[in-house]
């Protein structure tokens, strides 16, 4: 146990030690500078990190957690699509317990 803690403490930086994740090309503010360097060196970017691409990817990721897309991915069947290929629309939810009296309760 002490051996594990000793190996873990080695990776904790000192109190005033500055990490490089916020400086140079790693900083978020230097994104434009990095794009200029890529254009000057004629280096093609592997990925598109634009805001539009990131928001689209986030929406796709969040869409995976929805009931409809989960069923389409799992069973290749859309739960709100009719056999005649028309998409059903939500109108209301029936609650059988609404407006009922509970006489059995004190």
Protein backbone atom coordinates (compact mmCIF):
# COMPACT_ATOMS: atom_id res chain seq x y z
CA UNK A 1 0.00 0.00 0.00
CA UNK A 2 2.80 2.44 0.89
CA UNK A 3 4.59 1.48 -2.31
CA UNK A 4 1.50 2.45 -4.33
CA UNK A 5 1.21 5.82 -2.58
CA UNK A 6 4.91 6.53 -3.21
CA UNK A 7 4.45 5.83 -6.92
CA UNK A 8 1.34 8.02 -6.97
CA UNK A 9 3.00 10.99 -5.22
CA UNK A 10 5.71 11.13 -7.88
CA UNK A 11 3.10 12.30 -10.44
CA UNK A 12 1.76 15.19 -8.33
CA UNK A 13 3.46 18.45 -9.43
CA UNK A 14 5.04 20.82 -6.93
CA UNK A 15 3.04 23.74 -5.51
CA UNK A 16 4.10 26.50 -7.93
CA UNK A 17 4.91 24.24 -10.86
CA UNK A 18 3.34 25.54 -14.08
CA UNK A 19 1.95 22.97 -16.46
CA UNK A 20 2.12 23.47 -20.22
CA UNK A 21 -1.53 22.85 -20.94
CA UNK A 22 -2.39 26.55 -20.70
CA UNK A 23 0.61 27.96 -22.57
CA UNK A 24 1.79 28.09 -26.15
CA UNK A 25 -0.11 26.04 -28.70
CA UNK A 26 -1.95 24.18 -25.96
CA UNK A 27 -3.83 27.31 -24.86
CA UNK A 28 -7.37 27.83 -26.09
CA UNK A 29 -6.58 31.44 -27.02
CA UNK A 30 -3.88 30.36 -29.48
CA UNK A 31 -6.30 28.51 -31.75
CA UNK A 32 -6.11 31.25 -34.39
CA UNK A 33 -2.32 31.32 -34.15
CA UNK A 34 -2.18 27.58 -34.64
CA UNK A 35 -4.42 27.87 -37.71
CA UNK A 36 -2.05 30.47 -39.16
CA UNK A 37 0.95 28.20 -38.51
CA UNK A 38 -0.84 25.36 -40.29
CA UNK A 39 -1.57 27.52 -43.31
CA UNK A 40 2.01 28.84 -43.48
CA UNK A 41 3.48 25.36 -43.24
CA UNK A 42 0.79 24.00 -45.59
CA UNK A 43 -0.18 21.32 -43.12
CA UNK A 44 -3.64 19.83 -43.46
CA UNK A 45 -5.57 19.42 -40.25
CA UNK A 46 -6.71 15.91 -39.43
CA UNK A 47 -9.93 17.08 -37.83
CA UNK A 48 -12.22 20.07 -38.15
CA UNK A 49 -12.42 21.71 -34.73
CA UNK A 50 -14.81 24.51 -35.66
CA UNK A 51 -17.66 25.41 -33.34
CA UNK A 52 -20.29 24.23 -35.82
CA UNK A 53 -18.69 20.80 -36.11
CA UNK A 54 -18.36 20.46 -32.35
CA UNK A 55 -22.00 21.46 -31.70
CA UNK A 56 -23.20 19.05 -34.38
CA UNK A 57 -21.16 16.23 -32.83
CA UNK A 58 -22.53 17.08 -29.38
CA UNK A 59 -26.12 17.03 -30.65
CA UNK A 60 -25.51 13.65 -32.29
CA UNK A 61 -24.04 12.33 -29.06
CA UNK A 62 -26.97 13.61 -26.98
CA UNK A 63 -29.42 12.28 -29.55
CA UNK A 64 -28.12 8.76 -28.89
CA UNK A 65 -29.62 8.89 -25.39
CA UNK A 66 -33.14 9.45 -26.62
CA UNK A 67 -35.70 6.68 -26.66
CA UNK A 68 -36.43 6.83 -30.39
CA UNK A 69 -32.83 6.81 -31.62
CA UNK A 70 -31.91 4.10 -29.13
CA UNK A 71 -34.62 1.82 -30.53
CA UNK A 72 -33.66 2.62 -34.12
CA UNK A 73 -30.02 1.75 -33.39
CA UNK A 74 -30.88 -1.38 -31.43
CA UNK A 75 -33.68 -2.95 -33.45
CA UNK A 76 -33.60 -1.09 -36.80
CA UNK A 77 -37.19 -0.05 -36.21
CA UNK A 78 -38.63 3.40 -35.66
CA UNK A 79 -41.15 3.24 -32.78
CA UNK A 80 -43.29 6.11 -34.07
CA UNK A 81 -43.39 5.06 -37.71
CA UNK A 82 -46.55 3.29 -38.83
CA UNK A 83 -46.60 0.26 -41.12
CA UNK A 84 -47.83 2.55 -43.90
CA UNK A 85 -44.56 4.54 -43.53
CA UNK A 86 -46.32 7.56 -41.99
CA UNK A 87 -44.85 9.10 -38.84
CA UNK A 88 -47.23 9.21 -35.87
CA UNK A 89 -47.65 12.42 -33.90
CA UNK A 90 -48.10 12.82 -30.15
CA UNK A 91 -51.49 14.19 -29.20
CA UNK A 92 -52.03 13.48 -25.49
CA UNK A 93 -51.23 11.10 -22.68
CA UNK A 94 -54.07 9.28 -20.99
CA UNK A 95 -53.80 9.10 -17.23
CA UNK A 96 -56.28 6.58 -15.79
CA UNK A 97 -55.73 7.84 -12.23
CA UNK A 98 -56.57 11.44 -12.94
CA UNK A 99 -59.79 12.74 -11.34
CA UNK A 100 -60.32 9.53 -9.32
CA UNK A 101 -61.19 9.57 -5.66
CA UNK A 102 -59.24 7.46 -3.26
CA UNK A 103 -61.96 6.48 -0.79
CA UNK A 104 -59.84 3.71 0.67
CA UNK A 105 -57.28 6.17 2.00
CA UNK A 106 -57.95 7.76 5.41
